[in-house]
Amino acid sequence: MHGYSKNSSGIYYKLLTFGEDTTKARIGDFVTVNISYSTLSDSTFFTATRKVQISKPEYEGCIDECFMQLQTDDSAEFIIA
């Protein structure tokens, strides 16, 4: 995936903007996310703002693992298979 990095779980990610805060989400935290789901060809099929509680990732590639990589006000794209 051009322009993306890959973490140890196989999730591709690209940081788009960096927040000023260095605090990362932890298990048990509630976070508000602006989230969009798209196909690789860029067709968006879901967009919403949600408040979610971060839980312990139950499997490699879990969305919670993605959230735990981010700091306050970061913006990123993830590719999860």
N, C-alpha and C. Protein backbone atom coordinates (compact mmCIF):
# COMPACT_ATOMS: atom_id res chain seq x y z
N MET A 1 0.84 -1.17 0.00
CA MET A 1 0.00 0.00 0.00
C MET A 1 0.89 1.24 0.00
N HIS A 2 0.89 1.93 -1.08
CA HIS A 2 1.76 3.10 -1.25
C HIS A 2 1.38 4.22 -0.26
N GLY A 3 2.36 4.71 0.47
CA GLY A 3 2.15 5.82 1.40
C GLY A 3 1.70 5.40 2.78
N TYR A 4 1.50 4.11 3.00
CA TYR A 4 1.06 3.60 4.29
C TYR A 4 2.20 2.86 4.98
N SER A 5 2.21 2.91 6.30
CA SER A 5 3.10 2.08 7.10
C SER A 5 2.30 0.88 7.56
N LYS A 6 2.99 -0.15 8.03
CA LYS A 6 2.32 -1.37 8.48
C LYS A 6 2.79 -1.69 9.89
N ASN A 7 1.82 -1.90 10.81
CA ASN A 7 2.22 -2.24 12.18
C ASN A 7 2.40 -3.76 12.30
N SER A 8 2.78 -4.21 13.49
CA SER A 8 3.08 -5.63 13.69
C SER A 8 1.86 -6.54 13.54
N SER A 9 0.65 -5.97 13.65
CA SER A 9 -0.58 -6.77 13.49
C SER A 9 -1.04 -6.84 12.04
N GLY A 10 -0.34 -6.13 11.15
CA GLY A 10 -0.71 -6.15 9.74
C GLY A 10 -1.65 -5.04 9.33
N ILE A 11 -1.92 -4.09 10.22
CA ILE A 11 -2.79 -2.96 9.88
C ILE A 11 -1.96 -1.91 9.15
N TYR A 12 -2.45 -1.48 8.00
CA TYR A 12 -1.81 -0.39 7.28
C TYR A 12 -2.38 0.92 7.81
N TYR A 13 -1.51 1.92 8.00
CA TYR A 13 -1.97 3.20 8.52
C TYR A 13 -1.19 4.35 7.92
N LYS A 14 -1.85 5.49 7.87
CA LYS A 14 -1.23 6.73 7.40
C LYS A 14 -1.72 7.85 8.31
N LEU A 15 -0.80 8.52 9.00
CA LEU A 15 -1.15 9.67 9.82
C LEU A 15 -1.30 10.88 8.91
N LEU A 16 -2.46 11.53 9.00
CA LEU A 16 -2.76 12.67 8.12
C LEU A 16 -2.45 14.00 8.80
N THR A 17 -2.85 14.12 10.06
CA THR A 17 -2.54 15.32 10.84
C THR A 17 -2.12 14.88 12.24
N PHE A 18 -1.29 15.68 12.85
CA PHE A 18 -0.78 15.38 14.18
C PHE A 18 -1.34 16.39 15.17
N GLY A 19 -1.92 15.90 16.26
CA GLY A 19 -2.40 16.77 17.32
C GLY A 19 -1.24 17.29 18.15
N GLU A 20 -1.52 18.30 18.95
CA GLU A 20 -0.50 18.90 19.81
C GLU A 20 -0.27 18.09 21.07
N ASP A 21 -1.27 17.34 21.49
CA ASP A 21 -1.21 16.57 22.73
C ASP A 21 -0.46 15.26 22.49
N THR A 22 0.23 14.77 23.50
CA THR A 22 0.94 13.50 23.37
C THR A 22 0.24 12.36 24.10
N THR A 23 -0.98 12.62 24.58
CA THR A 23 -1.74 11.61 25.31
C THR A 23 -2.37 10.63 24.33
N LYS A 24 -2.10 9.34 24.54
CA LYS A 24 -2.70 8.31 23.69
C LYS A 24 -3.88 7.68 24.41
N ALA A 25 -4.83 7.19 23.63
CA ALA A 25 -5.99 6.50 24.20
C ALA A 25 -5.53 5.20 24.84
N ARG A 26 -6.15 4.88 25.98
CA ARG A 26 -5.83 3.64 26.70
C ARG A 26 -7.10 2.84 26.91
N ILE A 27 -6.94 1.58 27.22
CA ILE A 27 -8.07 0.70 27.49
C ILE A 27 -8.91 1.33 28.60
N GLY A 28 -10.22 1.42 28.38
CA GLY A 28 -11.14 2.01 29.34
C GLY A 28 -11.50 3.45 29.05
N ASP A 29 -10.66 4.16 28.27
CA ASP A 29 -10.94 5.56 27.92
C ASP A 29 -12.15 5.65 26.99
N PHE A 30 -12.88 6.75 27.11
CA PHE A 30 -13.92 7.09 26.14
C PHE A 30 -13.33 8.13 25.20
N VAL A 31 -13.50 7.92 23.90
CA VAL A 31 -13.00 8.86 22.90
C VAL A 31 -14.11 9.17 21.91
N THR A 32 -14.07 10.37 21.38
CA THR A 32 -15.01 10.76 20.32
C THR A 32 -14.25 10.70 19.01
N VAL A 33 -14.80 9.97 18.05
CA VAL A 33 -14.14 9.79 16.76
C VAL A 33 -15.07 10.20 15.63
N ASN A 34 -14.49 10.84 14.64
CA ASN A 34 -15.16 11.07 13.37
C ASN A 34 -14.66 9.95 12.47
N ILE A 35 -15.56 9.07 12.07
CA ILE A 35 -15.13 7.86 11.38
C ILE A 35 -15.86 7.72 10.06
N SER A 36 -15.11 7.27 9.06
CA SER A 36 -15.69 6.98 7.74
C SER A 36 -15.16 5.63 7.30
N TYR A 37 -16.03 4.82 6.76
CA TYR A 37 -15.64 3.55 6.18
C TYR A 37 -15.74 3.69 4.67
N SER A 38 -14.68 3.30 3.98
CA SER A 38 -14.62 3.40 2.53
C SER A 38 -14.02 2.14 1.95
N THR A 39 -14.32 1.89 0.70
CA THR A 39 -13.66 0.81 -0.01
C THR A 39 -12.29 1.31 -0.47
N LEU A 40 -11.44 0.40 -0.90
CA LEU A 40 -10.12 0.81 -1.39
C LEU A 40 -10.22 1.69 -2.63
N SER A 41 -11.34 1.59 -3.34
CA SER A 41 -11.53 2.44 -4.52
C SER A 41 -12.16 3.78 -4.16
N ASP A 42 -12.29 4.07 -2.84
CA ASP A 42 -12.70 5.36 -2.32
C ASP A 42 -14.21 5.59 -2.29
N SER A 43 -15.02 4.56 -2.35
CA SER A 43 -16.46 4.71 -2.20
C SER A 43 -16.80 4.66 -0.71
N THR A 44 -17.29 5.77 -0.17
CA THR A 44 -17.63 5.84 1.25
C THR A 44 -19.02 5.27 1.47
N PHE A 45 -19.14 4.35 2.45
CA PHE A 45 -20.44 3.76 2.72
C PHE A 45 -20.91 3.98 4.15
N PHE A 46 -20.11 4.68 4.97
CA PHE A 46 -20.53 5.00 6.33
C PHE A 46 -19.70 6.17 6.83
N THR A 47 -20.37 7.17 7.40
CA THR A 47 -19.70 8.31 8.02
C THR A 47 -20.50 8.71 9.25
N ALA A 48 -19.81 8.91 10.38
CA ALA A 48 -20.50 9.30 11.61
C ALA A 48 -19.50 9.83 12.64
N THR A 49 -20.03 10.48 13.64
CA THR A 49 -19.26 10.85 14.83
C THR A 49 -19.79 9.97 15.95
N ARG A 50 -18.88 9.29 16.63
CA ARG A 50 -19.27 8.36 17.68
C ARG A 50 -18.40 8.54 18.91
N LYS A 51 -18.98 8.31 20.08
CA LYS A 51 -18.22 8.24 21.32
C LYS A 51 -18.11 6.75 21.64
N VAL A 52 -16.87 6.27 21.73
CA VAL A 52 -16.65 4.85 21.96
C VAL A 52 -15.71 4.66 23.15
N GLN A 53 -15.86 3.52 23.80
CA GLN A 53 -14.95 3.17 24.89
C GLN A 53 -13.91 2.20 24.32
N ILE A 54 -12.65 2.51 24.57
CA ILE A 54 -11.57 1.66 24.09
C ILE A 54 -11.55 0.39 24.94
N SER A 55 -11.58 -0.74 24.27
CA SER A 55 -11.50 -2.02 24.98
C SER A 55 -10.22 -2.73 24.55
N LYS A 56 -9.84 -3.74 25.31
CA LYS A 56 -8.65 -4.52 24.98
C LYS A 56 -8.89 -5.19 23.63
N PRO A 57 -7.98 -5.00 22.68
CA PRO A 57 -8.17 -5.64 21.38
C PRO A 57 -8.30 -7.16 21.54
N GLU A 58 -9.36 -7.71 20.98
CA GLU A 58 -9.65 -9.13 21.13
C GLU A 58 -8.95 -9.98 20.07
N TYR A 59 -8.45 -9.34 19.02
CA TYR A 59 -7.77 -10.05 17.94
C TYR A 59 -6.88 -9.05 17.20
N GLU A 60 -5.90 -9.55 16.48
CA GLU A 60 -5.04 -8.67 15.71
C GLU A 60 -5.85 -7.99 14.62
N GLY A 61 -5.66 -6.70 14.48
CA GLY A 61 -6.37 -5.94 13.47
C GLY A 61 -7.67 -5.34 13.96
N CYS A 62 -7.96 -5.45 15.24
CA CYS A 62 -9.18 -4.90 15.84
C CYS A 62 -9.13 -3.37 15.78
N ILE A 63 -10.27 -2.73 15.56
CA ILE A 63 -10.34 -1.27 15.46
C ILE A 63 -9.82 -0.58 16.72
N ASP A 64 -10.00 -1.20 17.88
CA ASP A 64 -9.49 -0.61 19.12
C ASP A 64 -7.98 -0.45 19.07
N GLU A 65 -7.31 -1.38 18.42
CA GLU A 65 -5.86 -1.29 18.27
C GLU A 65 -5.49 -0.03 17.47
N CYS A 66 -6.29 0.29 16.47
CA CYS A 66 -6.06 1.50 15.68
C CYS A 66 -6.21 2.74 16.54
N PHE A 67 -7.29 2.81 17.31
CA PHE A 67 -7.53 3.98 18.15
C PHE A 67 -6.40 4.18 19.16
N MET A 68 -5.83 3.09 19.67
CA MET A 68 -4.79 3.19 20.68
C MET A 68 -3.46 3.69 20.11
N GLN A 69 -3.33 3.75 18.80
CA GLN A 69 -2.13 4.30 18.16
C GLN A 69 -2.18 5.82 18.08
N LEU A 70 -3.36 6.39 18.26
CA LEU A 70 -3.53 7.83 18.04
C LEU A 70 -3.42 8.64 19.31
N GLN A 71 -3.04 9.90 19.12
CA GLN A 71 -3.00 10.87 20.21
C GLN A 71 -4.16 11.85 19.99
N THR A 72 -4.47 12.64 21.00
CA THR A 72 -5.55 13.62 20.90
C THR A 72 -5.38 14.50 19.67
N ASP A 73 -6.44 14.64 18.89
CA ASP A 73 -6.52 15.48 17.69
C ASP A 73 -5.72 14.96 16.50
N ASP A 74 -5.22 13.73 16.55
CA ASP A 74 -4.61 13.11 15.37
C ASP A 74 -5.69 12.75 14.37
N SER A 75 -5.30 12.66 13.12
CA SER A 75 -6.17 12.18 12.06
C SER A 75 -5.40 11.13 11.28
N ALA A 76 -6.05 10.02 10.99
CA ALA A 76 -5.34 8.93 10.31
C ALA A 76 -6.28 8.14 9.43
N GLU A 77 -5.68 7.40 8.51
CA GLU A 77 -6.40 6.42 7.70
C GLU A 77 -5.86 5.05 8.06
N PHE A 78 -6.74 4.07 8.13
CA PHE A 78 -6.35 2.69 8.41
C PHE A 78 -6.93 1.78 7.35
N ILE A 79 -6.19 0.76 6.99
CA ILE A 79 -6.69 -0.28 6.11
C ILE A 79 -6.70 -1.57 6.91
N ILE A 80 -7.91 -2.07 7.14
CA ILE A 80 -8.10 -3.29 7.92
C ILE A 80 -8.71 -4.33 7.03
N ALA A 81 -8.07 -5.48 6.94
CA ALA A 81 -8.59 -6.54 6.06
C ALA A 81 -9.55 -7.43 6.82
